[in-house]
């Protein structure tokens, strides 16, 4: 008797409601951990592993051990989504200005992501702390002590991740991962330019460097939101602009209080 694993994708997926649900989850959320799949399905470990094994060829694991759809899996889900009115598969879109692929590759390598994060936090904290400048989300102002200024850089990254996670939760895209958090380091990498000019006492170029850093950070943030949560580029860009507006309001509130 032939194994169910040898059957066609349609038979394997549609032949059991659990396997259909697994394909739907992966198609909608792009990547899901094993624990999240257990939470969503309520299945015992052994049973869930069995259904994932049956879906071999349609489902695989990425570098962070999360489950994702293969090319064949994406194709099957796309056809199923069109027939049943489900959301189309969330796939990172890239352009020359929105490098979402950079974040996708980074988050598949936890060591690389961690190195970038530690470097950005350490360098940014030191450069701002030397001259007593504080990073308030996406704006910089002076007049603080070394410790507070140095801590403001990692706190800005944490604030950004909290914002992106909260927005994702509200929109039903609950993607929380260590690599996703560490990848925020790349979003704030441009602010090292501002910190470098401040540390070198080149105050004349600081304002222009801040504008450039903010612009590049908005572009990188758009790519981050697209790769992390599967948003369309225009939605990611809008969410990034909202964060910038919040940052600016906070900045003026602090400076002119």
Foldseek 3Di string as FASTA:
>chain_A
DDDLLPDDLCCLQVVDPLSVVVLLVQQQQFWAAPVRSCVVVVDDPVVVVVSVVSCPVQWDAFLVRTIHGDPVSLVVVQVVCVVVVGDRGQDFDDDPLQPLVVLLVQLSPQVNLQVLLVVLLQLQLQLQLVQAWACQLQDIDHDHHNVRRSVRRVVSLVVVVVLLQVVCVVVVNRFDDPSLSSNSSVLQNLCSQLSVCVSVVVVVCNVVSSVVSLVSSLSHQLSSSCNRGSDDSVVSSVSSVVSVVVSVVVVCVVVVD
